[in-house]
Amino acid sequence: MTTLTLENEPLVAEVAIISGKLMVDLVDGRTIIVPLAWYPRLWHGSLRERQNWQLLGDGYAIEWPDLDEHIGVDGLLAGHKSSESQISLDKWLAARQAILSDLVIR
């Protein structure tokens, strides 16, 4: 039996969200494209929040601090969707709505 070993760790170079898809360019030239619906916090985020991303470490993961979302390259390559429970997402959406409502009242 053989074991797959990676010559280079896959690292993120660039991130874009276009037409309902998350597109991640890797430093080795590959591009990963997945449905944005796989990540509900990104789905519900504003354009400004989605554009405010940063790389963790050398690019092993992407973080959207305004949305408290973190996505690792390994998970993207494996085809893993968000594992957040519906209960957790509902609490996050309710808190988000309360903050947005408070901003409108002011």
PDB file of N, CA and C in Angstrom:
ATOM      1  N   MET A   1       0.834  -1.170   0.000  1.00  0.00           N
ATOM      2  CA  MET A   1       0.000   0.000   0.000  1.00  0.00           C
ATOM      3  C   MET A   1       0.884   1.240   0.000  1.00  0.00           C
ATOM      4  N   THR A   2       0.550   2.203  -0.828  1.00  0.00           N
ATOM      5  CA  THR A   2       1.309   3.444  -0.876  1.00  0.00           C
ATOM      6  C   THR A   2       0.567   4.531  -0.114  1.00  0.00           C
ATOM      7  N   THR A   3       1.317   5.489   0.363  1.00  0.00           N
ATOM      8  CA  THR A   3       0.760   6.617   1.086  1.00  0.00           C
ATOM      9  C   THR A   3       1.064   7.885   0.304  1.00  0.00           C
ATOM     10  N   LEU A   4       0.057   8.699   0.132  1.00  0.00           N
ATOM     11  CA  LEU A   4       0.241   9.971  -0.567  1.00  0.00           C
ATOM     12  C   LEU A   4       0.966  10.949   0.343  1.00  0.00           C
ATOM     13  N   THR A   5       2.041  11.506  -0.165  1.00  0.00           N
ATOM     14  CA  THR A   5       2.731  12.561   0.561  1.00  0.00           C
ATOM     15  C   THR A   5       2.794  13.774  -0.355  1.00  0.00           C
ATOM     16  N   LEU A   6       2.572  14.917   0.221  1.00  0.00           N
ATOM     17  CA  LEU A   6       2.582  16.153  -0.557  1.00  0.00           C
ATOM     18  C   LEU A   6       3.995  16.709  -0.630  1.00  0.00           C
ATOM     19  N   GLU A   7       4.374  17.143  -1.822  1.00  0.00           N
ATOM     20  CA  GLU A   7       5.676  17.770  -1.973  1.00  0.00           C
ATOM     21  C   GLU A   7       5.678  19.151  -1.334  1.00  0.00           C
ATOM     22  N   ASN A   8       4.584  19.856  -1.498  1.00  0.00           N
ATOM     23  CA  ASN A   8       4.440  21.196  -0.929  1.00  0.00           C
ATOM     24  C   ASN A   8       3.077  21.312  -0.277  1.00  0.00           C
ATOM     25  N   GLU A   9       3.042  21.972   0.863  1.00  0.00           N
ATOM     26  CA  GLU A   9       1.765  22.206   1.519  1.00  0.00           C
ATOM     27  C   GLU A   9       0.963  23.184   0.665  1.00  0.00           C
ATOM     28  N   PRO A  10      -0.317  22.878   0.397  1.00  0.00           N
ATOM     29  CA  PRO A  10      -1.120  23.816  -0.404  1.00  0.00           C
ATOM     30  C   PRO A  10      -1.393  25.086   0.397  1.00  0.00           C
ATOM     31  N   LEU A  11      -1.059  26.223  -0.209  1.00  0.00           N
ATOM     32  CA  LEU A  11      -1.228  27.515   0.460  1.00  0.00           C
ATOM     33  C   LEU A  11      -2.030  28.462  -0.429  1.00  0.00           C
ATOM     34  N   VAL A  12      -2.802  29.326   0.210  1.00  0.00           N
ATOM     35  CA  VAL A  12      -3.656  30.280  -0.491  1.00  0.00           C
ATOM     36  C   VAL A  12      -2.837  31.472  -0.971  1.00  0.00           C
ATOM     37  N   ALA A  13      -3.120  31.903  -2.197  1.00  0.00           N
ATOM     38  CA  ALA A  13      -2.516  33.116  -2.741  1.00  0.00           C
ATOM     39  C   ALA A  13      -3.539  34.244  -2.822  1.00  0.00           C
ATOM     40  N   GLU A  14      -4.771  33.908  -3.228  1.00  0.00           N
ATOM     41  CA  GLU A  14      -5.804  34.930  -3.463  1.00  0.00           C
ATOM     42  C   GLU A  14      -7.179  34.327  -3.226  1.00  0.00           C
ATOM     43  N   VAL A  15      -8.130  35.178  -2.845  1.00  0.00           N
ATOM     44  CA  VAL A  15      -9.506  34.754  -2.569  1.00  0.00           C
ATOM     45  C   VAL A  15     -10.464  35.708  -3.267  1.00  0.00           C
ATOM     46  N   ALA A  16     -11.526  35.156  -3.861  1.00  0.00           N
ATOM     47  CA  ALA A  16     -12.573  35.984  -4.476  1.00  0.00           C
ATOM     48  C   ALA A  16     -13.912  35.285  -4.290  1.00  0.00           C
ATOM     49  N   ILE A  17     -14.949  36.083  -4.212  1.00  0.00           N
ATOM     50  CA  ILE A  17     -16.310  35.564  -4.180  1.00  0.00           C
ATOM     51  C   ILE A  17     -17.035  36.181  -5.359  1.00  0.00           C
ATOM     52  N   ILE A  18     -17.415  35.316  -6.302  1.00  0.00           N
ATOM     53  CA  ILE A  18     -18.017  35.781  -7.548  1.00  0.00           C
ATOM     54  C   ILE A  18     -19.185  34.870  -7.902  1.00  0.00           C
ATOM     55  N   SER A  19     -20.320  35.469  -8.208  1.00  0.00           N
ATOM     56  CA  SER A  19     -21.497  34.729  -8.685  1.00  0.00           C
ATOM     57  C   SER A  19     -21.860  33.539  -7.800  1.00  0.00           C
ATOM     58  N   GLY A  20     -21.869  33.765  -6.488  1.00  0.00           N
ATOM     59  CA  GLY A  20     -22.276  32.711  -5.570  1.00  0.00           C
ATOM     60  C   GLY A  20     -21.263  31.603  -5.387  1.00  0.00           C
ATOM     61  N   LYS A  21     -20.004  31.870  -5.735  1.00  0.00           N
ATOM     62  CA  LYS A  21     -18.963  30.862  -5.597  1.00  0.00           C
ATOM     63  C   LYS A  21     -17.764  31.443  -4.853  1.00  0.00           C
ATOM     64  N   LEU A  22     -17.159  30.610  -4.010  1.00  0.00           N
ATOM     65  CA  LEU A  22     -15.909  30.955  -3.351  1.00  0.00           C
ATOM     66  C   LEU A  22     -14.786  30.413  -4.221  1.00  0.00           C
ATOM     67  N   MET A  23     -13.904  31.303  -4.662  1.00  0.00           N
ATOM     68  CA  MET A  23     -12.784  30.919  -5.528  1.00  0.00           C
ATOM     69  C   MET A  23     -11.480  31.187  -4.783  1.00  0.00           C
ATOM     70  N   VAL A  24     -10.676  30.145  -4.638  1.00  0.00           N
ATOM     71  CA  VAL A  24      -9.424  30.255  -3.898  1.00  0.00           C
ATOM     72  C   VAL A  24      -8.283  29.836  -4.818  1.00  0.00           C
ATOM     73  N   ASP A  25      -7.389  30.777  -5.104  1.00  0.00           N
ATOM     74  CA  ASP A  25      -6.197  30.490  -5.900  1.00  0.00           C
ATOM     75  C   ASP A  25      -5.084  30.058  -4.960  1.00  0.00           C
ATOM     76  N   LEU A  26      -4.435  28.971  -5.297  1.00  0.00           N
ATOM     77  CA  LEU A  26      -3.320  28.476  -4.502  1.00  0.00           C
ATOM     78  C   LEU A  26      -2.006  28.935  -5.115  1.00  0.00           C
ATOM     79  N   VAL A  27      -0.960  28.955  -4.302  1.00  0.00           N
ATOM     80  CA  VAL A  27       0.341  29.428  -4.783  1.00  0.00           C
ATOM     81  C   VAL A  27       0.915  28.523  -5.867  1.00  0.00           C
ATOM     82  N   ASP A  28       0.461  27.263  -5.921  1.00  0.00           N
ATOM     83  CA  ASP A  28       0.987  26.346  -6.944  1.00  0.00           C
ATOM     84  C   ASP A  28       0.247  26.458  -8.279  1.00  0.00           C
ATOM     85  N   GLY A  29      -0.704  27.403  -8.385  1.00  0.00           N
ATOM     86  CA  GLY A  29      -1.397  27.638  -9.645  1.00  0.00           C
ATOM     87  C   GLY A  29      -2.785  27.034  -9.734  1.00  0.00           C
ATOM     88  N   ARG A  30      -3.155  26.160  -8.798  1.00  0.00           N
ATOM     89  CA  ARG A  30      -4.504  25.581  -8.815  1.00  0.00           C
ATOM     90  C   ARG A  30      -5.525  26.584  -8.298  1.00  0.00           C
ATOM     91  N   THR A  31      -6.772  26.407  -8.731  1.00  0.00           N
ATOM     92  CA  THR A  31      -7.885  27.197  -8.232  1.00  0.00           C
ATOM     93  C   THR A  31      -8.968  26.242  -7.741  1.00  0.00           C
ATOM     94  N   ILE A  32      -9.435  26.481  -6.535  1.00  0.00           N
ATOM     95  CA  ILE A  32     -10.525  25.696  -5.947  1.00  0.00           C
ATOM     96  C   ILE A  32     -11.777  26.565  -6.014  1.00  0.00           C
ATOM     97  N   ILE A  33     -12.862  26.011  -6.540  1.00  0.00           N
ATOM     98  CA  ILE A  33     -14.127  26.742  -6.628  1.00  0.00           C
ATOM     99  C   ILE A  33     -15.201  25.886  -5.962  1.00  0.00           C
ATOM    100  N   VAL A  34     -15.873  26.469  -4.966  1.00  0.00           N
ATOM    101  CA  VAL A  34     -16.942  25.763  -4.260  1.00  0.00           C
ATOM    102  C   VAL A  34     -18.143  26.701  -4.134  1.00  0.00           C
ATOM    103  N   PRO A  35     -19.333  26.127  -3.964  1.00  0.00           N
ATOM    104  CA  PRO A  35     -20.513  26.978  -3.782  1.00  0.00           C
ATOM    105  C   PRO A  35     -20.416  27.789  -2.488  1.00  0.00           C
ATOM    106  N   LEU A  36     -20.752  29.042  -2.563  1.00  0.00           N
ATOM    107  CA  LEU A  36     -20.731  29.899  -1.378  1.00  0.00           C
ATOM    108  C   LEU A  36     -21.706  29.390  -0.324  1.00  0.00           C
ATOM    109  N   ALA A  37     -22.770  28.734  -0.748  1.00  0.00           N
ATOM    110  CA  ALA A  37     -23.767  28.193   0.179  1.00  0.00           C
ATOM    111  C   ALA A  37     -23.165  27.151   1.130  1.00  0.00           C
ATOM    112  N   TRP A  38     -22.002  26.605   0.811  1.00  0.00           N
ATOM    113  CA  TRP A  38     -21.334  25.671   1.722  1.00  0.00           C
ATOM    114  C   TRP A  38     -20.930  26.356   3.023  1.00  0.00           C
ATOM    115  N   TYR A  39     -20.816  27.676   3.003  1.00  0.00           N
ATOM    116  CA  TYR A  39     -20.355  28.451   4.154  1.00  0.00           C
ATOM    117  C   TYR A  39     -21.384  29.543   4.465  1.00  0.00           C
ATOM    118  N   PRO A  40     -22.399  29.204   5.274  1.00  0.00           N
ATOM    119  CA  PRO A  40     -23.516  30.128   5.511  1.00  0.00           C
ATOM    120  C   PRO A  40     -23.116  31.506   6.041  1.00  0.00           C
ATOM    121  N   ARG A  41     -22.085  31.582   6.840  1.00  0.00           N
ATOM    122  CA  ARG A  41     -21.681  32.910   7.347  1.00  0.00           C
ATOM    123  C   ARG A  41     -21.199  33.794   6.195  1.00  0.00           C
ATOM    124  N   LEU A  42     -20.483  33.219   5.253  1.00  0.00           N
ATOM    125  CA  LEU A  42     -20.085  33.989   4.077  1.00  0.00           C
ATOM    126  C   LEU A  42     -21.306  34.337   3.236  1.00  0.00           C
ATOM    127  N   TRP A  43     -22.204  33.385   3.114  1.00  0.00           N
ATOM    128  CA  TRP A  43     -23.432  33.585   2.335  1.00  0.00           C
ATOM    129  C   TRP A  43     -24.218  34.789   2.867  1.00  0.00           C
ATOM    130  N   HIS A  44     -24.323  34.899   4.188  1.00  0.00           N
ATOM    131  CA  HIS A  44     -25.092  35.973   4.815  1.00  0.00           C
ATOM    132  C   HIS A  44     -24.291  37.261   4.983  1.00  0.00           C
ATOM    133  N   GLY A  45     -23.002  37.221   4.707  1.00  0.00           N
ATOM    134  CA  GLY A  45     -22.167  38.406   4.886  1.00  0.00           C
ATOM    135  C   GLY A  45     -22.381  39.447   3.798  1.00  0.00           C
ATOM    136  N   SER A  46     -22.079  40.678   4.154  1.00  0.00           N
ATOM    137  CA  SER A  46     -22.156  41.776   3.181  1.00  0.00           C
ATOM    138  C   SER A  46     -20.927  41.733   2.271  1.00  0.00           C
ATOM    139  N   LEU A  47     -20.982  42.478   1.199  1.00  0.00           N
ATOM    140  CA  LEU A  47     -19.841  42.558   0.282  1.00  0.00           C
ATOM    141  C   LEU A  47     -18.595  43.021   1.025  1.00  0.00           C
ATOM    142  N   ARG A  48     -18.745  44.042   1.866  1.00  0.00           N
ATOM    143  CA  ARG A  48     -17.610  44.561   2.637  1.00  0.00           C
ATOM    144  C   ARG A  48     -17.045  43.483   3.561  1.00  0.00           C
ATOM    145  N   GLU A  49     -17.919  42.753   4.237  1.00  0.00           N
ATOM    146  CA  GLU A  49     -17.458  41.702   5.153  1.00  0.00           C
ATOM    147  C   GLU A  49     -16.767  40.572   4.398  1.00  0.00           C
ATOM    148  N   ARG A  50     -17.282  40.219   3.247  1.00  0.00           N
ATOM    149  CA  ARG A  50     -16.673  39.148   2.456  1.00  0.00           C
ATOM    150  C   ARG A  50     -15.306  39.545   1.908  1.00  0.00           C
ATOM    151  N   GLN A  51     -15.141  40.830   1.606  1.00  0.00           N
ATOM    152  CA  GLN A  51     -13.867  41.302   1.057  1.00  0.00           C
ATOM    153  C   GLN A  51     -12.802  41.483   2.128  1.00  0.00           C
ATOM    154  N   ASN A  52     -13.218  41.496   3.388  1.00  0.00           N
ATOM    155  CA  ASN A  52     -12.278  41.667   4.499  1.00  0.00           C
ATOM    156  C   ASN A  52     -11.791  40.292   4.976  1.00  0.00           C
ATOM    157  N   TRP A  53     -10.871  39.721   4.228  1.00  0.00           N
ATOM    158  CA  TRP A  53     -10.305  38.423   4.584  1.00  0.00           C
ATOM    159  C   TRP A  53      -8.809  38.572   4.786  1.00  0.00           C
ATOM    160  N   GLN A  54      -8.259  37.605   5.495  1.00  0.00           N
ATOM    161  CA  GLN A  54      -6.807  37.578   5.679  1.00  0.00           C
ATOM    162  C   GLN A  54      -6.355  36.135   5.758  1.00  0.00           C
ATOM    163  N   LEU A  55      -5.091  35.937   5.451  1.00  0.00           N
ATOM    164  CA  LEU A  55      -4.524  34.598   5.500  1.00  0.00           C
ATOM    165  C   LEU A  55      -4.004  34.311   6.898  1.00  0.00           C
ATOM    166  N   LEU A  56      -4.148  33.079   7.320  1.00  0.00           N
ATOM    167  CA  LEU A  56      -3.564  32.630   8.574  1.00  0.00           C
ATOM    168  C   LEU A  56      -2.247  31.935   8.255  1.00  0.00           C
ATOM    169  N   GLY A  57      -1.248  32.226   9.051  1.00  0.00           N
ATOM    170  CA  GLY A  57       0.078  31.661   8.810  1.00  0.00           C
ATOM    171  C   GLY A  57       0.582  32.049   7.438  1.00  0.00           C
ATOM    172  N   ASP A  58       1.156  31.094   6.740  1.00  0.00           N
ATOM    173  CA  ASP A  58       1.661  31.331   5.387  1.00  0.00           C
ATOM    174  C   ASP A  58       0.578  31.183   4.329  1.00  0.00           C
ATOM    175  N   GLY A  59      -0.664  30.940   4.779  1.00  0.00           N
ATOM    176  CA  GLY A  59      -1.772  30.757   3.841  1.00  0.00           C
ATOM    177  C   GLY A  59      -2.424  29.396   3.956  1.00  0.00           C
ATOM    178  N   TYR A  60      -2.255  28.725   5.100  1.00  0.00           N
ATOM    179  CA  TYR A  60      -2.877  27.411   5.278  1.00  0.00           C
ATOM    180  C   TYR A  60      -4.380  27.511   5.495  1.00  0.00           C
ATOM    181  N   ALA A  61      -4.862  28.743   5.813  1.00  0.00           N
ATOM    182  CA  ALA A  61      -6.294  28.960   6.034  1.00  0.00           C
ATOM    183  C   ALA A  61      -6.634  30.416   5.747  1.00  0.00           C
ATOM    184  N   ILE A  62      -7.938  30.661   5.581  1.00  0.00           N
ATOM    185  CA  ILE A  62      -8.462  31.999   5.328  1.00  0.00           C
ATOM    186  C   ILE A  62      -9.379  32.363   6.483  1.00  0.00           C
ATOM    187  N   GLU A  63      -9.287  33.606   6.930  1.00  0.00           N
ATOM    188  CA  GLU A  63     -10.144  34.089   8.013  1.00  0.00           C
ATOM    189  C   GLU A  63     -10.904  35.325   7.550  1.00  0.00           C
ATOM    190  N   TRP A  64     -12.181  35.360   7.874  1.00  0.00           N
ATOM    191  CA  TRP A  64     -13.016  36.542   7.691  1.00  0.00           C
ATOM    192  C   TRP A  64     -13.373  37.024   9.091  1.00  0.00           C
ATOM    193  N   PRO A  65     -12.600  37.967   9.652  1.00  0.00           N
ATOM    194  CA  PRO A  65     -12.800  38.353  11.050  1.00  0.00           C
ATOM    195  C   PRO A  65     -14.180  38.958  11.337  1.00  0.00           C
ATOM    196  N   ASP A  66     -14.748  39.684  10.397  1.00  0.00           N
ATOM    197  CA  ASP A  66     -16.062  40.289  10.628  1.00  0.00           C
ATOM    198  C   ASP A  66     -17.172  39.246  10.722  1.00  0.00           C
ATOM    199  N   LEU A  67     -16.937  38.079  10.146  1.00  0.00           N
ATOM    200  CA  LEU A  67     -17.951  37.020  10.112  1.00  0.00           C
ATOM    201  C   LEU A  67     -17.592  35.844  11.018  1.00  0.00           C
ATOM    202  N   ASP A  68     -16.434  35.915  11.679  1.00  0.00           N
ATOM    203  CA  ASP A  68     -15.944  34.835  12.534  1.00  0.00           C
ATOM    204  C   ASP A  68     -15.939  33.514  11.764  1.00  0.00           C
ATOM    205  N   GLU A  69     -15.425  33.562  10.536  1.00  0.00           N
ATOM    206  CA  GLU A  69     -15.354  32.381   9.665  1.00  0.00           C
ATOM    207  C   GLU A  69     -13.897  32.067   9.368  1.00  0.00           C
ATOM    208  N   HIS A  70     -13.554  30.787   9.440  1.00  0.00           N
ATOM    209  CA  HIS A  70     -12.207  30.313   9.158  1.00  0.00           C
ATOM    210  C   HIS A  70     -12.318  29.073   8.286  1.00  0.00           C
ATOM    211  N   ILE A  71     -11.613  29.072   7.168  1.00  0.00           N
ATOM    212  CA  ILE A  71     -11.670  27.937   6.249  1.00  0.00           C
ATOM    213  C   ILE A  71     -10.244  27.514   5.909  1.00  0.00           C
ATOM    214  N   GLY A  72      -9.947  26.254   6.169  1.00  0.00           N
ATOM    215  CA  GLY A  72      -8.626  25.718   5.881  1.00  0.00           C
ATOM    216  C   GLY A  72      -8.538  25.186   4.464  1.00  0.00           C
ATOM    217  N   VAL A  73      -7.365  25.298   3.874  1.00  0.00           N
ATOM    218  CA  VAL A  73      -7.139  24.804   2.514  1.00  0.00           C
ATOM    219  C   VAL A  73      -7.357  23.298   2.447  1.00  0.00           C
ATOM    220  N   ASP A  74      -6.903  22.577   3.449  1.00  0.00           N
ATOM    221  CA  ASP A  74      -7.076  21.122   3.442  1.00  0.00           C
ATOM    222  C   ASP A  74      -8.552  20.750   3.364  1.00  0.00           C
ATOM    223  N   GLY A  75      -9.393  21.466   4.109  1.00  0.00           N
ATOM    224  CA  GLY A  75     -10.834  21.214   4.061  1.00  0.00           C
ATOM    225  C   GLY A  75     -11.429  21.512   2.700  1.00  0.00           C
ATOM    226  N   LEU A  76     -10.980  22.602   2.085  1.00  0.00           N
ATOM    227  CA  LEU A  76     -11.453  22.935   0.736  1.00  0.00           C
ATOM    228  C   LEU A  76     -11.082  21.840  -0.254  1.00  0.00           C
ATOM    229  N   LEU A  77      -9.831  21.398  -0.195  1.00  0.00           N
ATOM    230  CA  LEU A  77      -9.367  20.358  -1.110  1.00  0.00           C
ATOM    231  C   LEU A  77     -10.121  19.044  -0.895  1.00  0.00           C
ATOM    232  N   ALA A  78     -10.520  18.786   0.354  1.00  0.00           N
ATOM    233  CA  ALA A  78     -11.246  17.552   0.661  1.00  0.00           C
ATOM    234  C   ALA A  78     -12.744  17.678   0.375  1.00  0.00           C
ATOM    235  N   GLY A  79     -13.199  18.889   0.036  1.00  0.00           N
ATOM    236  CA  GLY A  79     -14.613  19.080  -0.265  1.00  0.00           C
ATOM    237  C   GLY A  79     -15.496  19.186   0.964  1.00  0.00           C
ATOM    238  N   HIS A  80     -14.919  19.617   2.090  1.00  0.00           N
ATOM    239  CA  HIS A  80     -15.689  19.735   3.324  1.00  0.00           C
ATOM    240  C   HIS A  80     -16.486  21.040   3.354  1.00  0.00           C
ATOM    241  N   LYS A  81     -17.761  20.917   3.638  1.00  0.00           N
ATOM    242  CA  LYS A  81     -18.628  22.084   3.840  1.00  0.00           C
ATOM    243  C   LYS A  81     -18.481  22.546   5.283  1.00  0.00           C
ATOM    244  N   SER A  82     -19.079  23.695   5.595  1.00  0.00           N
ATOM    245  CA  SER A  82     -19.096  24.167   6.973  1.00  0.00           C
ATOM    246  C   SER A  82     -19.717  23.098   7.863  1.00  0.00           C
ATOM    247  N   SER A  83     -19.133  22.897   9.019  1.00  0.00           N
ATOM    248  CA  SER A  83     -19.671  21.914   9.958  1.00  0.00           C
ATOM    249  C   SER A  83     -20.462  22.584  11.077  1.00  0.00           C
ATOM    250  N   GLU A  84     -20.730  23.874  10.930  1.00  0.00           N
ATOM    251  CA  GLU A  84     -21.485  24.591  11.959  1.00  0.00           C
ATOM    252  C   GLU A  84     -22.913  24.049  12.027  1.00  0.00           C
ATOM    253  N   SER A  85     -23.383  23.834  13.229  1.00  0.00           N
ATOM    254  CA  SER A  85     -24.743  23.328  13.406  1.00  0.00           C
ATOM    255  C   SER A  85     -25.764  24.418  13.081  1.00  0.00           C
ATOM    256  N   GLN A  86     -26.963  24.004  12.758  1.00  0.00           N
ATOM    257  CA  GLN A  86     -28.030  24.963  12.473  1.00  0.00           C
ATOM    258  C   GLN A  86     -28.339  25.804  13.699  1.00  0.00           C
ATOM    259  N   ILE A  87     -28.264  25.206  14.887  1.00  0.00           N
ATOM    260  CA  ILE A  87     -28.532  25.947  16.131  1.00  0.00           C
ATOM    261  C   ILE A  87     -27.503  27.065  16.297  1.00  0.00           C
ATOM    262  N   SER A  88     -26.234  26.740  16.085  1.00  0.00           N
ATOM    263  CA  SER A  88     -25.173  27.743  16.197  1.00  0.00           C
ATOM    264  C   SER A  88     -25.352  28.846  15.158  1.00  0.00           C
ATOM    265  N   LEU A  89     -25.669  28.464  13.932  1.00  0.00           N
ATOM    266  CA  LEU A  89     -25.873  29.457  12.878  1.00  0.00           C
ATOM    267  C   LEU A  89     -27.062  30.351  13.207  1.00  0.00           C
ATOM    268  N   ASP A  90     -28.149  29.770  13.704  1.00  0.00           N
ATOM    269  CA  ASP A  90     -29.330  30.562  14.063  1.00  0.00           C
ATOM    270  C   ASP A  90     -29.002  31.577  15.164  1.00  0.00           C
ATOM    271  N   LYS A  91     -28.203  31.177  16.142  1.00  0.00           N
ATOM    272  CA  LYS A  91     -27.794  32.102  17.216  1.00  0.00           C
ATOM    273  C   LYS A  91     -26.946  33.234  16.631  1.00  0.00           C
ATOM    274  N   TRP A  92     -26.032  32.885  15.732  1.00  0.00           N
ATOM    275  CA  TRP A  92     -25.174  33.896  15.100  1.00  0.00           C
ATOM    276  C   TRP A  92     -26.014  34.870  14.277  1.00  0.00           C
ATOM    277  N   LEU A  93     -26.973  34.351  13.515  1.00  0.00           N
ATOM    278  CA  LEU A  93     -27.843  35.208  12.707  1.00  0.00           C
ATOM    279  C   LEU A  93     -28.691  36.128  13.582  1.00  0.00           C
ATOM    280  N   ALA A  94     -29.194  35.615  14.705  1.00  0.00           N
ATOM    281  CA  ALA A  94     -29.998  36.437  15.618  1.00  0.00           C
ATOM    282  C   ALA A  94     -29.149  37.549  16.226  1.00  0.00           C
ATOM    283  N   ALA A  95     -27.953  37.229  16.654  1.00  0.00           N
ATOM    284  CA  ALA A  95     -27.056  38.241  17.216  1.00  0.00           C
ATOM    285  C   ALA A  95     -26.691  39.273  16.160  1.00  0.00           C
ATOM    286  N   ARG A  96     -26.459  38.819  14.957  1.00  0.00           N
ATOM    287  CA  ARG A  96     -26.132  39.717  13.839  1.00  0.00           C
ATOM    288  C   ARG A  96     -27.286  40.661  13.557  1.00  0.00           C
ATOM    289  N   GLN A  97     -28.513  40.126  13.539  1.00  0.00           N
ATOM    290  CA  GLN A  97     -29.695  40.949  13.294  1.00  0.00           C
ATOM    291  C   GLN A  97     -29.870  41.987  14.396  1.00  0.00           C
ATOM    292  N   ALA A  98     -29.621  41.606  15.642  1.00  0.00           N
ATOM    293  CA  ALA A  98     -29.743  42.541  16.763  1.00  0.00           C
ATOM    294  C   ALA A  98     -28.743  43.691  16.620  1.00  0.00           C
ATOM    295  N   ILE A  99     -27.525  43.372  16.210  1.00  0.00           N
ATOM    296  CA  ILE A  99     -26.495  44.407  16.019  1.00  0.00           C
ATOM    297  C   ILE A  99     -26.903  45.334  14.883  1.00  0.00           C
ATOM    298  N   LEU A 100     -27.351  44.762  13.770  1.00  0.00           N
ATOM    299  CA  LEU A 100     -27.766  45.586  12.618  1.00  0.00           C
ATOM    300  C   LEU A 100     -28.968  46.457  12.978  1.00  0.00           C
ATOM    301  N   SER A 101     -29.902  45.923  13.738  1.00  0.00           N
ATOM    302  CA  SER A 101     -31.082  46.706  14.147  1.00  0.00           C
ATOM    303  C   SER A 101     -30.673  47.855  15.047  1.00  0.00           C
ATOM    304  N   ASP A 102     -29.736  47.580  15.956  1.00  0.00           N
ATOM    305  CA  ASP A 102     -29.239  48.621  16.862  1.00  0.00           C
ATOM    306  C   ASP A 102     -28.555  49.746  16.079  1.00  0.00           C
ATOM    307  N   LEU A 103     -27.833  49.409  15.025  1.00  0.00           N
ATOM    308  CA  LEU A 103     -27.167  50.423  14.204  1.00  0.00           C
ATOM    309  C   LEU A 103     -28.176  51.294  13.462  1.00  0.00           C
ATOM    310  N   VAL A 104     -29.276  50.706  13.025  1.00  0.00           N
ATOM    311  CA  VAL A 104     -30.293  51.447  12.295  1.00  0.00           C
ATOM    312  C   VAL A 104     -31.016  52.412  13.234  1.00  0.00           C
ATOM    313  N   ILE A 105     -31.258  52.001  14.480  1.00  0.00           N
ATOM    314  CA  ILE A 105     -31.960  52.836  15.453  1.00  0.00           C
ATOM    315  C   ILE A 105     -31.142  54.059  15.801  1.00  0.00           C
ATOM    316  N   ARG A 106     -29.850  53.922  15.868  1.00  0.00           N
ATOM    317  CA  ARG A 106     -28.987  55.051  16.240  1.00  0.00           C
ATOM    318  C   ARG A 106     -28.999  56.028  15.113  1.00  0.00           C
TER     319      ARG A 106
END
